[in-house]
Protein backbone atom coordinates (compact mmCIF):
# COMPACT_ATOMS: atom_id res chain seq x y z
CA MET A 1 0.00 0.00 0.00
CA ASP A 2 1.38 3.40 -0.95
CA THR A 3 1.45 5.74 2.05
CA GLY A 4 3.27 8.50 0.21
CA GLU A 5 2.05 11.46 -1.76
CA GLU A 6 3.94 12.52 -4.88
CA ARG A 7 5.05 16.18 -4.94
CA GLY A 8 7.23 16.84 -7.93
CA SER A 9 10.22 14.49 -7.65
CA TRP A 10 9.75 14.03 -3.89
CA THR A 11 7.54 11.60 -2.02
CA VAL A 12 6.02 12.97 1.17
CA LYS A 13 5.39 10.18 3.64
CA GLN A 14 1.98 10.27 5.27
CA PRO A 15 1.83 9.71 9.06
CA THR A 16 0.87 6.19 10.07
CA LYS A 17 -1.74 5.35 12.68
CA ARG A 18 1.11 4.67 15.10
CA ASP A 19 2.61 8.10 14.38
CA LEU A 20 -0.73 9.78 15.06
CA GLN A 21 -1.21 7.84 18.31
CA ALA A 22 2.28 8.80 19.44
CA GLU A 23 1.58 12.47 18.74
CA GLU A 24 -1.74 12.26 20.60
CA THR A 25 -0.01 10.69 23.64
CA TYR A 26 2.74 13.30 23.60
CA ARG A 27 0.25 16.14 23.29
CA LYS A 28 -1.89 14.82 26.14
CA LEU A 29 1.11 14.52 28.46
CA VAL A 30 2.20 18.09 27.70
CA ASP A 31 -1.31 19.57 28.02
CA THR A 32 -2.02 17.67 31.25
CA SER A 33 1.29 18.85 32.71
CA MET A 34 0.44 22.45 31.87
CA GLU A 35 -2.93 22.21 33.60
CA LEU A 36 -1.42 20.63 36.71
CA VAL A 37 1.32 23.23 36.90
CA LYS A 38 -1.33 25.96 36.70
CA GLU A 39 -3.30 24.38 39.53
CA TYR A 40 -0.60 23.15 41.92
CA GLY A 41 2.68 24.78 40.90
CA TYR A 42 5.68 23.19 39.23
CA HIS A 43 7.47 22.03 42.36
CA LYS A 44 4.41 20.25 43.77
CA VAL A 45 3.54 18.36 40.60
CA THR A 46 5.03 14.89 40.28
CA VAL A 47 5.46 12.54 37.34
CA SER A 48 3.04 10.18 39.08
CA GLN A 49 0.36 12.90 39.14
CA ILE A 50 0.91 13.68 35.47
CA CYS A 51 0.56 10.02 34.57
CA ALA A 52 -2.54 9.51 36.72
CA ALA A 53 -4.27 12.59 35.32
CA SER A 54 -3.45 11.73 31.72
CA GLY A 55 -4.24 8.03 32.07
CA TYR A 56 -0.79 6.73 31.11
CA ALA A 57 1.73 4.55 32.92
CA LYS A 58 5.07 5.96 34.05
CA GLY A 59 6.78 3.89 31.40
CA THR A 60 4.84 5.78 28.73
CA PHE A 61 5.88 9.10 30.23
CA TYR A 62 9.55 8.11 30.11
CA ASN A 63 9.21 7.06 26.49
CA TYR A 64 8.70 10.74 25.70
CA PHE A 65 10.52 12.63 28.45
CA ASN A 66 13.55 12.01 30.63
CA SER A 67 12.20 14.02 33.54
CA LYS A 68 9.68 16.63 34.63
CA ARG A 69 12.23 19.24 33.56
CA ASP A 70 11.78 18.12 29.95
CA ILE A 71 8.11 19.07 30.21
CA LEU A 72 9.07 22.57 31.30
CA ASN A 73 11.51 22.76 28.44
CA ARG A 74 8.78 21.79 25.96
CA LEU A 75 6.30 24.33 27.36
CA ALA A 76 8.85 27.15 27.09
CA ILE A 77 9.69 26.14 23.51
CA GLU A 78 6.00 26.10 22.60
CA LEU A 79 5.62 29.69 23.82
CA ASN A 80 8.33 30.76 21.40
CA GLU A 81 6.84 28.68 18.59
CA ARG A 82 3.45 30.31 19.15
CA LEU A 83 5.13 33.70 19.02
CA ALA A 84 6.74 32.78 15.70
CA ASP A 85 3.27 32.28 14.22
CA THR A 86 2.54 35.97 14.88
CA PHE A 87 5.69 37.41 13.27
CA SER A 88 4.98 39.96 10.56
CA TYR A 89 7.39 41.11 7.84
CA ASP A 90 4.97 43.58 6.25
CA GLU A 91 7.16 46.03 4.35
CA SER A 92 4.38 48.65 4.33
CA GLN A 93 4.86 49.07 8.09
CA SER A 94 7.83 50.60 9.84
CA CYS A 95 10.10 48.41 11.95
CA THR A 96 8.86 50.23 15.03
CA GLN A 97 5.25 49.37 14.13
CA LEU A 98 6.19 45.71 13.59
CA TYR A 99 8.04 45.67 16.89
CA LEU A 100 5.05 47.10 18.75
CA GLN A 101 2.79 44.51 17.11
CA PHE A 102 5.21 41.83 18.31
CA VAL A 103 5.06 43.24 21.84
CA ASN A 104 1.25 43.20 21.78
CA ASP A 105 1.19 39.59 20.57
CA TYR A 106 3.73 38.57 23.23
CA MET A 107 1.71 40.13 26.05
CA ARG A 108 -1.50 38.60 24.69
CA ILE A 109 -0.04 35.09 24.60
CA VAL A 110 1.41 35.39 28.11
CA LYS A 111 -1.92 36.67 29.42
CA GLU A 112 -3.82 33.85 27.69
CA ASP A 113 -1.62 31.30 29.47
CA GLY A 114 -2.73 32.90 32.72
CA HIS A 115 -1.14 34.50 35.74
CA ASP A 116 -0.62 31.31 37.74
CA PHE A 117 1.02 29.47 34.88
CA SER A 118 3.28 32.41 33.99
CA LYS A 119 4.29 32.77 37.64
CA ASN A 120 5.14 29.09 37.83
CA CYS A 121 7.05 29.30 34.56
CA MET A 122 9.27 32.04 35.95
CA GLN A 123 9.92 29.97 39.07
CA MET A 124 10.69 26.92 36.93
CA LEU A 125 13.10 28.74 34.64
CA ILE A 126 15.00 30.13 37.61
CA SER A 127 15.09 26.96 39.71
CA GLU A 128 16.02 24.75 36.75
CA SER A 129 18.56 27.28 35.40
CA MET A 130 17.38 26.87 31.82
CA SER A 131 19.43 28.62 29.18
CA GLY A 132 18.05 30.57 26.25
CA ASP A 133 19.29 27.88 23.87
CA GLU A 134 17.26 25.22 25.67
CA VAL A 135 13.97 27.10 25.34
CA ARG A 136 14.58 28.28 21.74
CA LEU A 137 14.99 31.93 22.64
CA ASP A 138 16.76 32.16 19.30
CA ILE A 139 13.29 32.33 17.69
CA GLN A 140 12.70 35.74 19.29
CA GLN A 141 16.30 36.74 18.72
CA LYS A 142 16.26 36.05 14.99
CA TYR A 143 13.08 38.06 14.45
CA LEU A 144 14.27 41.05 16.45
CA TYR A 145 17.66 40.96 14.72
CA GLU A 146 15.90 41.13 11.35
CA LEU A 147 13.80 44.11 12.45
CA ILE A 148 16.83 45.96 13.83
CA GLU A 149 18.95 45.31 10.74
CA ARG A 150 16.16 46.46 8.44
CA GLY A 151 15.53 49.57 10.54
CA GLN A 152 19.22 50.45 10.52
CA LYS A 153 19.54 49.98 6.74
CA GLN A 154 16.48 52.15 6.12
CA GLY A 155 17.63 54.89 8.49
CA GLU A 156 14.82 54.34 10.98
CA PHE A 157 17.22 53.34 13.78
CA THR A 158 20.23 55.64 14.07
CA SER A 159 21.45 55.45 17.68
CA GLY A 160 24.28 53.08 16.92
CA MET A 161 23.09 50.48 19.45
CA THR A 162 23.91 47.02 18.15
CA LYS A 163 21.27 44.36 17.61
CA GLU A 164 23.05 42.23 20.24
CA ALA A 165 22.84 45.00 22.83
CA PHE A 166 19.18 45.60 22.01
CA PHE A 167 18.32 41.93 22.40
CA ASP A 168 20.02 41.81 25.81
CA LEU A 169 17.92 44.83 26.84
CA TRP A 170 14.76 43.23 25.41
CA ARG A 171 15.35 39.98 27.28
CA ALA A 172 16.00 41.73 30.61
CA THR A 173 12.94 43.98 30.18
CA VAL A 174 10.47 41.27 29.18
CA LEU A 175 11.56 39.04 32.06
CA GLY A 176 11.14 42.01 34.39
CA VAL A 177 7.66 42.69 33.06
CA ILE A 178 6.50 39.10 33.55
CA THR A 179 8.09 38.94 37.01
CA LEU A 180 6.30 42.12 38.09
CA TRP A 181 3.01 40.66 36.88
CA ALA A 182 3.75 37.48 38.80
CA ILE A 183 4.40 39.44 42.00
CA GLU A 184 1.79 42.20 41.69
CA LYS A 185 -1.08 40.55 39.83
CA GLU A 186 -3.85 42.79 41.18
CA HIS A 187 -1.88 46.00 40.75
CA TYR A 188 -0.09 45.39 37.46
CA ASP A 189 -1.80 45.61 34.08
CA LEU A 190 0.28 43.27 31.96
CA THR A 191 -1.08 44.52 28.65
CA GLN A 192 -0.80 48.24 29.35
CA GLU A 193 2.27 48.43 31.57
CA GLY A 194 4.10 45.66 29.77
CA ARG A 195 3.57 47.42 26.47
CA GLN A 196 4.70 50.71 27.97
CA SER A 197 7.96 49.26 29.29
CA LEU A 198 8.76 47.32 26.12
CA SER A 199 7.78 50.23 23.88
CA ALA A 200 10.24 52.49 25.69
CA ILE A 201 13.29 50.46 24.76
CA ILE A 202 12.71 50.63 20.99
CA ARG A 203 13.01 54.41 21.25
CA LEU A 204 16.62 53.88 22.28
CA MET A 205 17.37 52.63 18.77
């Protein structure tokens, strides 16, 4: 039986039933972990709880992940992958406008994940000492580098600040914004104040 689909000179293999089941299992483990972390906090959630809530044995969990830390790693990567889906390269807009749109999308996604989950994520990233490489921070970095380079070539950004220096400032500011929201939920408007803080740094370019 042919499970491939001809596209030009290439054959694209269609996923098998086993592939689809594996993806469904993986997705359920990740989604269940996210819900448990929201409810109980990262440090209180155990692999046993994740397995019980998702309906899988521990052996199944360890077929996909080496530890609970791997779940955190996957959740952080997914945030950056979701951000990538929002990236705009519309040449009719200025780089500043595209940057501000990126900021709005970032704050929206963080807010959709919820205060409790974002707070736990910050705690997880700190306690597990996860590097930017591990969570695919390069996805954000690449997009911002492209905006800065384009803005510099077109004369929109003239301060002389390098793209590397800007990204360091971006990373420090966005982590500060999310941390403030985690600490001062009732008194901190993530959308408004986060946008204000992150909008300020683009003016330094």
